[in-house]
Amino acid sequence: MGRRKTSYAERINKAKVMSAGFKKYTERLAPRGGGEEFQLRLSTQRETAQGLDDEQESLKGQLKVKTEELETAMDDLGETMSEGKKMVKLEMPQPTWVEFGIDDIQ
């Protein structure tokens, strides 16, 4: 069974918790490289990730709105094309239908 993939928000939250732990135990972890420089890097990377995650969530919302707009436009286009197809089939001889992009047999 594979590992469950954690979400960006979960990973960012874990980084926040880790950062708090490093601040609490700075003296003990500093000799192993967990001093202020490491903590600053961890904090900066977490803040960057948080900002990008927030931006991505906003873009997802915008994408949903644009997708709905596109679906409406495509429905309108389909209706207009269907109307045009009926006109062509009623008025034009079948051999000319291909000039309108209609490849129906009847």
N, C-alpha and C. Protein backbone atom coordinates (compact mmCIF):
# COMPACT_ATOMS: atom_id res chain seq x y z
N MET A 1 0.84 -1.18 0.00
CA MET A 1 0.00 0.00 0.00
C MET A 1 0.89 1.25 0.00
N GLY A 2 0.61 2.20 -0.88
CA GLY A 2 1.44 3.39 -1.01
C GLY A 2 1.18 4.42 0.07
N ARG A 3 2.12 5.33 0.20
CA ARG A 3 1.96 6.42 1.16
C ARG A 3 0.90 7.38 0.67
N ARG A 4 0.13 7.89 1.60
CA ARG A 4 -0.87 8.89 1.25
C ARG A 4 -0.16 10.19 0.95
N LYS A 5 -0.48 10.77 -0.18
CA LYS A 5 0.15 12.03 -0.55
C LYS A 5 -0.51 13.17 0.24
N THR A 6 0.32 13.97 0.88
CA THR A 6 -0.23 15.08 1.66
C THR A 6 -0.46 16.29 0.77
N SER A 7 -1.46 17.06 1.14
CA SER A 7 -1.77 18.26 0.37
C SER A 7 -0.73 19.34 0.65
N TYR A 8 -0.72 20.34 -0.22
CA TYR A 8 0.20 21.46 -0.01
C TYR A 8 -0.07 22.13 1.33
N ALA A 9 -1.34 22.32 1.65
CA ALA A 9 -1.69 22.98 2.92
C ALA A 9 -1.19 22.18 4.11
N GLU A 10 -1.30 20.85 4.04
CA GLU A 10 -0.81 20.01 5.14
C GLU A 10 0.70 20.12 5.28
N ARG A 11 1.40 20.11 4.16
CA ARG A 11 2.86 20.22 4.21
C ARG A 11 3.29 21.59 4.73
N ILE A 12 2.59 22.63 4.33
CA ILE A 12 2.90 23.99 4.80
C ILE A 12 2.65 24.08 6.30
N ASN A 13 1.57 23.47 6.76
CA ASN A 13 1.26 23.48 8.20
C ASN A 13 2.33 22.70 8.98
N LYS A 14 2.78 21.58 8.43
CA LYS A 14 3.84 20.81 9.10
C LYS A 14 5.12 21.64 9.20
N ALA A 15 5.40 22.42 8.16
CA ALA A 15 6.59 23.29 8.19
C ALA A 15 6.43 24.35 9.27
N LYS A 16 5.21 24.84 9.46
CA LYS A 16 4.95 25.84 10.50
C LYS A 16 5.19 25.24 11.89
N VAL A 17 4.70 24.03 12.09
CA VAL A 17 4.90 23.34 13.36
C VAL A 17 6.38 23.08 13.59
N MET A 18 7.07 22.63 12.53
CA MET A 18 8.51 22.36 12.64
C MET A 18 9.26 23.63 13.01
N SER A 19 8.88 24.73 12.38
CA SER A 19 9.52 26.01 12.65
C SER A 19 9.37 26.39 14.12
N ALA A 20 8.18 26.19 14.66
CA ALA A 20 7.94 26.49 16.08
C ALA A 20 8.81 25.61 16.97
N GLY A 21 8.95 24.34 16.60
CA GLY A 21 9.80 23.44 17.36
C GLY A 21 11.26 23.87 17.33
N PHE A 22 11.74 24.30 16.16
CA PHE A 22 13.13 24.76 16.05
C PHE A 22 13.35 26.01 16.89
N LYS A 23 12.36 26.90 16.92
CA LYS A 23 12.51 28.12 17.74
C LYS A 23 12.59 27.76 19.22
N LYS A 24 11.80 26.79 19.63
CA LYS A 24 11.77 26.40 21.03
C LYS A 24 13.08 25.73 21.45
N TYR A 25 13.67 24.94 20.57
CA TYR A 25 14.87 24.18 20.91
C TYR A 25 16.10 24.64 20.12
N THR A 26 16.20 25.93 19.87
CA THR A 26 17.31 26.48 19.10
C THR A 26 18.67 26.10 19.69
N GLU A 27 18.83 26.29 20.96
CA GLU A 27 20.14 26.01 21.59
C GLU A 27 20.57 24.57 21.38
N ARG A 28 19.64 23.68 21.49
CA ARG A 28 19.97 22.26 21.37
C ARG A 28 20.25 21.85 19.92
N LEU A 29 19.54 22.47 18.96
CA LEU A 29 19.66 22.07 17.55
C LEU A 29 20.70 22.89 16.78
N ALA A 30 21.08 24.03 17.31
CA ALA A 30 22.05 24.90 16.62
C ALA A 30 23.36 24.18 16.29
N PRO A 31 23.92 23.38 17.19
CA PRO A 31 25.17 22.70 16.86
C PRO A 31 25.04 21.74 15.66
N ARG A 32 23.84 21.31 15.37
CA ARG A 32 23.62 20.40 14.24
C ARG A 32 23.17 21.16 12.99
N GLY A 33 23.20 22.47 13.03
CA GLY A 33 22.83 23.28 11.87
C GLY A 33 21.42 23.85 11.94
N GLY A 34 20.76 23.68 13.08
CA GLY A 34 19.39 24.16 13.22
C GLY A 34 19.28 25.52 13.86
N GLY A 35 20.28 26.34 13.66
CA GLY A 35 20.28 27.68 14.26
C GLY A 35 19.43 28.66 13.48
N GLU A 36 19.70 29.94 13.73
CA GLU A 36 18.90 31.01 13.15
C GLU A 36 18.90 31.00 11.62
N GLU A 37 20.04 30.71 11.01
CA GLU A 37 20.12 30.70 9.54
C GLU A 37 19.17 29.64 8.96
N PHE A 38 19.21 28.44 9.53
CA PHE A 38 18.32 27.37 9.07
C PHE A 38 16.86 27.75 9.30
N GLN A 39 16.60 28.29 10.48
CA GLN A 39 15.23 28.67 10.83
C GLN A 39 14.69 29.75 9.89
N LEU A 40 15.55 30.70 9.55
CA LEU A 40 15.14 31.75 8.62
C LEU A 40 14.82 31.16 7.25
N ARG A 41 15.66 30.22 6.80
CA ARG A 41 15.44 29.58 5.50
C ARG A 41 14.12 28.80 5.51
N LEU A 42 13.89 28.05 6.58
CA LEU A 42 12.65 27.28 6.71
C LEU A 42 11.44 28.21 6.71
N SER A 43 11.52 29.27 7.47
CA SER A 43 10.42 30.23 7.57
C SER A 43 10.15 30.92 6.24
N THR A 44 11.22 31.35 5.57
CA THR A 44 11.08 32.03 4.28
C THR A 44 10.48 31.11 3.23
N GLN A 45 10.96 29.87 3.19
CA GLN A 45 10.43 28.92 2.22
C GLN A 45 8.97 28.59 2.50
N ARG A 46 8.61 28.50 3.78
CA ARG A 46 7.22 28.23 4.14
C ARG A 46 6.32 29.39 3.72
N GLU A 47 6.77 30.61 3.97
CA GLU A 47 5.98 31.79 3.59
C GLU A 47 5.82 31.87 2.08
N THR A 48 6.88 31.56 1.34
CA THR A 48 6.81 31.56 -0.12
C THR A 48 5.80 30.52 -0.59
N ALA A 49 5.91 29.31 -0.02
CA ALA A 49 4.99 28.24 -0.39
C ALA A 49 3.55 28.61 -0.05
N GLN A 50 3.34 29.24 1.10
CA GLN A 50 2.00 29.65 1.51
C GLN A 50 1.43 30.67 0.52
N GLY A 51 2.24 31.63 0.14
CA GLY A 51 1.79 32.64 -0.82
C GLY A 51 1.43 32.02 -2.16
N LEU A 52 2.26 31.10 -2.63
CA LEU A 52 1.99 30.43 -3.90
C LEU A 52 0.76 29.54 -3.82
N ASP A 53 0.58 28.87 -2.68
CA ASP A 53 -0.61 28.03 -2.49
C ASP A 53 -1.87 28.89 -2.50
N ASP A 54 -1.83 30.02 -1.82
CA ASP A 54 -2.97 30.94 -1.82
C ASP A 54 -3.28 31.41 -3.23
N GLU A 55 -2.23 31.78 -3.97
CA GLU A 55 -2.42 32.24 -5.34
C GLU A 55 -3.01 31.14 -6.21
N GLN A 56 -2.51 29.90 -6.04
CA GLN A 56 -3.02 28.78 -6.82
C GLN A 56 -4.51 28.55 -6.53
N GLU A 57 -4.90 28.63 -5.27
CA GLU A 57 -6.31 28.44 -4.92
C GLU A 57 -7.17 29.52 -5.58
N SER A 58 -6.67 30.75 -5.60
CA SER A 58 -7.39 31.83 -6.26
C SER A 58 -7.54 31.56 -7.76
N LEU A 59 -6.46 31.08 -8.36
CA LEU A 59 -6.49 30.77 -9.79
C LEU A 59 -7.44 29.62 -10.10
N LYS A 60 -7.54 28.66 -9.20
CA LYS A 60 -8.49 27.56 -9.39
C LYS A 60 -9.91 28.11 -9.46
N GLY A 61 -10.21 29.05 -8.58
CA GLY A 61 -11.53 29.68 -8.59
C GLY A 61 -11.79 30.42 -9.88
N GLN A 62 -10.77 31.16 -10.33
CA GLN A 62 -10.91 31.89 -11.59
C GLN A 62 -11.08 30.92 -12.76
N LEU A 63 -10.38 29.80 -12.72
CA LEU A 63 -10.48 28.80 -13.78
C LEU A 63 -11.89 28.23 -13.84
N LYS A 64 -12.49 27.96 -12.69
CA LYS A 64 -13.87 27.45 -12.67
C LYS A 64 -14.82 28.43 -13.32
N VAL A 65 -14.66 29.71 -13.00
CA VAL A 65 -15.52 30.74 -13.59
C VAL A 65 -15.33 30.79 -15.10
N LYS A 66 -14.07 30.78 -15.55
CA LYS A 66 -13.79 30.83 -16.99
C LYS A 66 -14.30 29.58 -17.70
N THR A 67 -14.21 28.43 -17.04
CA THR A 67 -14.71 27.19 -17.63
C THR A 67 -16.22 27.28 -17.83
N GLU A 68 -16.93 27.82 -16.85
CA GLU A 68 -18.38 28.00 -16.98
C GLU A 68 -18.70 28.96 -18.13
N GLU A 69 -17.93 30.05 -18.24
CA GLU A 69 -18.13 31.00 -19.33
C GLU A 69 -17.89 30.33 -20.68
N LEU A 70 -16.83 29.53 -20.76
CA LEU A 70 -16.52 28.83 -22.00
C LEU A 70 -17.61 27.84 -22.36
N GLU A 71 -18.11 27.09 -21.38
CA GLU A 71 -19.18 26.13 -21.64
C GLU A 71 -20.42 26.82 -22.17
N THR A 72 -20.76 27.96 -21.60
CA THR A 72 -21.91 28.73 -22.08
C THR A 72 -21.68 29.20 -23.51
N ALA A 73 -20.49 29.73 -23.78
CA ALA A 73 -20.16 30.20 -25.13
C ALA A 73 -20.20 29.04 -26.13
N MET A 74 -19.70 27.87 -25.72
CA MET A 74 -19.70 26.71 -26.62
C MET A 74 -21.13 26.22 -26.87
N ASP A 75 -21.98 26.27 -25.86
CA ASP A 75 -23.39 25.91 -26.05
C ASP A 75 -24.05 26.86 -27.04
N ASP A 76 -23.80 28.16 -26.87
CA ASP A 76 -24.35 29.16 -27.80
C ASP A 76 -23.85 28.92 -29.22
N LEU A 77 -22.55 28.66 -29.34
CA LEU A 77 -21.96 28.39 -30.65
C LEU A 77 -22.58 27.15 -31.28
N GLY A 78 -22.77 26.10 -30.50
CA GLY A 78 -23.38 24.87 -31.00
C GLY A 78 -24.80 25.10 -31.51
N GLU A 79 -25.57 25.89 -30.77
CA GLU A 79 -26.94 26.20 -31.19
C GLU A 79 -26.95 26.99 -32.50
N THR A 80 -26.06 27.97 -32.61
CA THR A 80 -25.99 28.77 -33.83
C THR A 80 -25.54 27.93 -35.02
N MET A 81 -24.57 27.05 -34.80
CA MET A 81 -24.11 26.18 -35.88
C MET A 81 -25.21 25.21 -36.31
N SER A 82 -25.97 24.70 -35.34
CA SER A 82 -27.08 23.81 -35.66
C SER A 82 -28.13 24.53 -36.50
N GLU A 83 -28.40 25.77 -36.14
CA GLU A 83 -29.34 26.59 -36.90
C GLU A 83 -28.82 26.81 -38.32
N GLY A 84 -27.53 27.11 -38.45
CA GLY A 84 -26.93 27.32 -39.77
C GLY A 84 -26.97 26.05 -40.60
N LYS A 85 -26.73 24.92 -39.97
CA LYS A 85 -26.74 23.63 -40.65
C LYS A 85 -28.13 23.35 -41.24
N LYS A 86 -29.17 23.65 -40.46
CA LYS A 86 -30.53 23.45 -40.94
C LYS A 86 -30.81 24.32 -42.16
N MET A 87 -30.34 25.59 -42.11
CA MET A 87 -30.54 26.49 -43.24
C MET A 87 -29.88 25.94 -44.50
N VAL A 88 -28.64 25.50 -44.35
CA VAL A 88 -27.88 24.99 -45.50
C VAL A 88 -28.56 23.75 -46.06
N LYS A 89 -28.98 22.84 -45.20
CA LYS A 89 -29.60 21.60 -45.66
C LYS A 89 -30.93 21.86 -46.38
N LEU A 90 -31.66 22.89 -45.94
CA LEU A 90 -32.94 23.20 -46.58
C LEU A 90 -32.77 23.94 -47.90
N GLU A 91 -31.73 24.74 -48.01
CA GLU A 91 -31.59 25.63 -49.16
C GLU A 91 -30.57 25.16 -50.19
N MET A 92 -29.51 24.52 -49.76
CA MET A 92 -28.40 24.21 -50.67
C MET A 92 -28.44 22.74 -51.09
N PRO A 93 -27.96 22.47 -52.32
CA PRO A 93 -27.87 21.07 -52.75
C PRO A 93 -26.81 20.33 -51.93
N GLN A 94 -27.03 19.03 -51.72
CA GLN A 94 -26.16 18.22 -50.87
C GLN A 94 -24.69 18.29 -51.25
N PRO A 95 -24.30 18.31 -52.54
CA PRO A 95 -22.87 18.37 -52.87
C PRO A 95 -22.16 19.62 -52.34
N THR A 96 -22.91 20.69 -52.06
CA THR A 96 -22.27 21.92 -51.57
C THR A 96 -22.15 21.95 -50.04
N TRP A 97 -22.75 21.00 -49.36
CA TRP A 97 -22.72 21.00 -47.89
C TRP A 97 -21.30 20.98 -47.34
N VAL A 98 -20.43 20.28 -48.03
CA VAL A 98 -19.05 20.16 -47.57
C VAL A 98 -18.37 21.53 -47.48
N GLU A 99 -18.80 22.46 -48.30
CA GLU A 99 -18.24 23.82 -48.27
C GLU A 99 -18.61 24.56 -46.98
N PHE A 100 -19.58 24.03 -46.28
CA PHE A 100 -20.01 24.61 -45.00
C PHE A 100 -19.51 23.78 -43.81
N GLY A 101 -18.69 22.76 -44.14
CA GLY A 101 -18.18 21.89 -43.09
C GLY A 101 -19.18 20.83 -42.65
N ILE A 102 -20.17 20.59 -43.48
CA ILE A 102 -21.20 19.59 -43.15
C ILE A 102 -20.88 18.32 -43.93
N ASP A 103 -20.64 17.25 -43.20
CA ASP A 103 -20.31 15.99 -43.87
C ASP A 103 -21.40 14.94 -43.66
N ASP A 104 -22.61 15.41 -43.34
CA ASP A 104 -23.75 14.50 -43.17
C ASP A 104 -24.14 13.91 -44.52
N ILE A 105 -24.74 12.73 -44.47
CA ILE A 105 -25.21 12.10 -45.70
C ILE A 105 -26.58 12.65 -46.05
N GLN A 106 -27.37 12.93 -45.07
CA GLN A 106 -28.70 13.49 -45.34
C GLN A 106 -28.97 14.66 -44.45
